[in-house]
Amino acid sequence: MGCTASGPADPARRHSSGPAVKPPAVTFAEEKMTSAGNRMTLWSSKPSLSRPSSADGRGRVGQMVVRPHPVRVLLWFSRSDSRSKILCRACTRLQLNYDAVYSHEKALDVYNTASPQLVIIDQRNSKHVPGAPALQLRTCNPNCYAVMVALVSKSFIAKDGAATSILQKGFNRWLVESTNELQCMNELQLLAKSDVELQSRLHATDALFVALNESRDIVEITDHEYNVLYVNRTCVDALGLSRDEMVGHNLLKVHQLEVTRPEQAEQIVTQLAKGREYDGHFMCRRRNGDNLLLPCRAFPVSANSRSVDHHVFVKECPAFVLDRPPPISRIRTRASVRSLRKPSFDLRTTSNGSHVVVRRASLAKAPTGIEAPITKVIGIILSAQQAAPMYVAQALEKGLEILKSTELYSPQLNVPGRDSVVAKLQDPVTNDLLGALLSHGPSPSSESTVARRLSDGAGRMHRHSRPSLPNIQTNSTAICSLLERDMNWNFDIFQLERITNKRPLIWMGMDVFLKFDVPSTLGVDIGTVENWLNLIEANYHSQNSYHNSTHACDVLQCTAYFLERERLKSVFDPVDEAICLIASAVHDVDHPGKNSPFLCNSRNELAMLYNDLSVLESHHAAFAYKLTHSDERVNIFKNLDEALYKRTRQSIIDMVLATEMNKHYEHLSKFVNVFSAPSVAEDESTELDMTRLCTPDNIVLIKRMLIKCADVSNPLRPRDMCVEWANRIAEEYFSQTDLEKEKNLPVVMPIFDRATCSIPKSQKGFVEFFINSMFEAWDSLIDIPELIDLLEENYQYWCDLELAESRGEPLPPGDIAEEESGADSSPAEEDPAPVPRLELPAGADSRP
């Protein structure tokens, strides 16, 4: 190359390999050292260190080939002198890429950017390079495996404690200064072929440890006395024990093998002591006290072929044992709600008896980080079903049907081993949100039997042409014009609220009920349906900011939108459609504007009546039927026969009770498990088996999911409506928190404090933990990609708003404050026609 450092005036210069230099004129003999049949060449007439030879095994670590890399050298001098220039020329002649620096800052910069394999630091004068520069370099870039060499004077190596001093400063060895260029070349070549190459091989083992750590088998490495030296991540996740609880402890005592299975412990020790491989089973102890019997192979490892140095234990770990959450960084960076989906796996047995983990084709995935134990049970049974004989598979199928038809789903939030989920739940906002919405949950009750559908064998009943609306509809041109778009997802429910003077339910209700021919299905006249809707709406509390008749109208419109999807049309008959619409209209009737935990804490008479179990939902269903049976003029069920009345009543009550949020994961887990079985869809692209969907039990699940999605569809509405709903529910929760503080009651939702609440953060958490997984499952059934797109856009909006709040930046256009200020500033619409009021007997509309 012919390049040399220019001295202190040029503090750093990087040199690259160029054409091979002409070998020196003097001939140097090869010194041959014979040791165990290996030949080591100290010098060759054509020196080149860019490609280490693998002829003597130096290019491998065990069975792994180590890819050679050109050696890069960092030369850190205190000053430019004849010795430093000789070292630079020696690097040039050996075709070594090198960097010569003369300052601490430049040395740190080159070490971080170039990652040299060999670092030579001038230690001839400690005043110019004080402290422990080698330790400083290792600290600033711990991932750089470099050999640290101290350049010292000849007088230094004769001092007492010189080697100790160099080692304490972080150096691997020293290099004595020399004015002989050939001597420097030989020293550099020895360093590159010995220390640097060994360090590179050590660095290559990082890949082996990554492979071990990501293996789905449990891997444990011990010394010859069975003291644990290493465990991989699968071991930690599967057993629930931390590395500190295992590393340094005796493996047999950690698993209590000498107590639970002394004969197995003796067999393992005996086999390994003889230098033989152990192939059998190993009883592992988990943190929760359970014992897990796993197939195990143990290997003795000997470095010198005389005595055993290490033991390696490899245990097959079934997929259902692992509770490893998926990465959530994607939703953090891209605000993609789809990334919350958790992959599901099956454990399958191959013909040779080994276990493999395969992705199970599913309709939708279970909610991230929150999984019911019954979900794992069903996964185990499905896995066993794959390799079982026919008669066993049929028996397992019957068992699955029994499990899926009973209320066995109970969510568990804090699951050991799910570090990311536990960290998420430790967030105070998330904890308060989940705790409030999932509190006071009733214990599972047995699922009631659903009557068979009354449609004939030809399929759906013939739907008559849509009759015209009664006079209440034709008296307002604005209302008629607005309701022409009632099946549009972008329907402006707040405009309907304004032009109907906060009585939108009767107008939307009559429009939707007539569109789906509900009067004909129930066998009543239009006037009775009109009177019933009027009475139901009159018992919604208009003073509630959220749980009022506008919310009921919104849920009804959303339900009608879902019922228009092709798959639901092929599943539901007219009676099912009427049930869904009625349940949507009454699902929050007489809501007091406070949630069930508040009623329980305040010892409200409703909480006493329903024993603190499903207080509000039970009241909504019971009160709706009380109003309906209060007068014949509002009784929409009066002409149903006994069987059909029982069917509609049972289904309506079931749907209203399904809106209880503390049963959210119970209903969602059951829905996902039933419709993700291989018998429903073999792969992602296979059409669903509609005959299976039409079973009575599955129709019940679909109805529950329908009203649940309709009830909390606000995050999927267009931006302005989504923000308005968020403001309204927050205001209602603010009022409850104010009242709890005033009455000195426990604050159910501390995050909804007017002074400290972050609406974007609460909405973001609500989407992540409740909305995303539920609508992914619902989308897989009825196909609503346009709604999922809106969900992602709104989620990104809340993320941006939260980020702006945290940074104290001005809120972006269309923020919450603007929405709040503009909510009541819309231009006045034309006055609506008066809604006819039905005069009922005294006490007919009273509330218990």
Foldseek 3Di string as FASTA:
>chain_A
DPDFDPKPVRFKDWDAFDDADQFDPDDDDFDFDDDPNDTDTLDDSRAELQADDCPVPLQADVPRGNGGGAAEEEEEECTDDLLRRLLRVLCRNNRHTYMYGNDLVVSLVCCVPVLGAEYEHEPQDCVSVPDQSLVVSCVSPVLRQHAYEYEYEPVQVPDPCSVVVNVVSPHPYYDYGDNDSVVSNSVVSVCSNPVSSVSSNVSVCVVVLVCQQPDCKWKWKAWLQQQTQDTHLNNCQLQLDDPVLRHRHRPCVQQVCCPPPVVVVVVVNVQVQVQHKDWAWDWGAHPVGDTDIWTKIKGFDDDVVPGTTMMMIITRDFPLSGPEFDDPVCCVPVVALVVQFGWDWAWAADPVGDTDIDTAFFLAGAGGQKFFPVLSVLRPLLNVLVPDDPVVVVVSVVVVVVSLQWLPGAIDQDDRSHVVSVVVCVPVQLVLLCCLQQPLADDGDTDDDFDADPDDPVAADDDDDQDDFDPQQVQDPVLVVLCVCLLPLQRDLLVCCQQAVNLNQLSLVRSLCSVLVVLVVLVHDSQLQSQQSQLQQVQADPPQLARHQSLLSQLLSLLSNLCPFPLNVRQDYSLLSSLLNVLSRQLQGNPPLDDLVLCVQVVPPQCVVVVSYLRRLVQSLVLSVLLLPLDPSNPSNPPPDPSSVVNSSSLSSLQSSLLRSSCQSSLLNSLRSVRTRCVQPVHLPDDGDSVVCNDPSNSSSVSNLSSNCSSPVLLLHADLSSLSSLVSNLVSLCVSQVVCVVVVTDNSRVLSHPVHHDSLVSVLSCCSRHVSSSVSSVCSRRPDVSSSVSNSVSNVLSSVQVVCVVVVHDGDPPDNVVSVVCSPVDDRDDHRDDRDHDDGPPPSSDRD
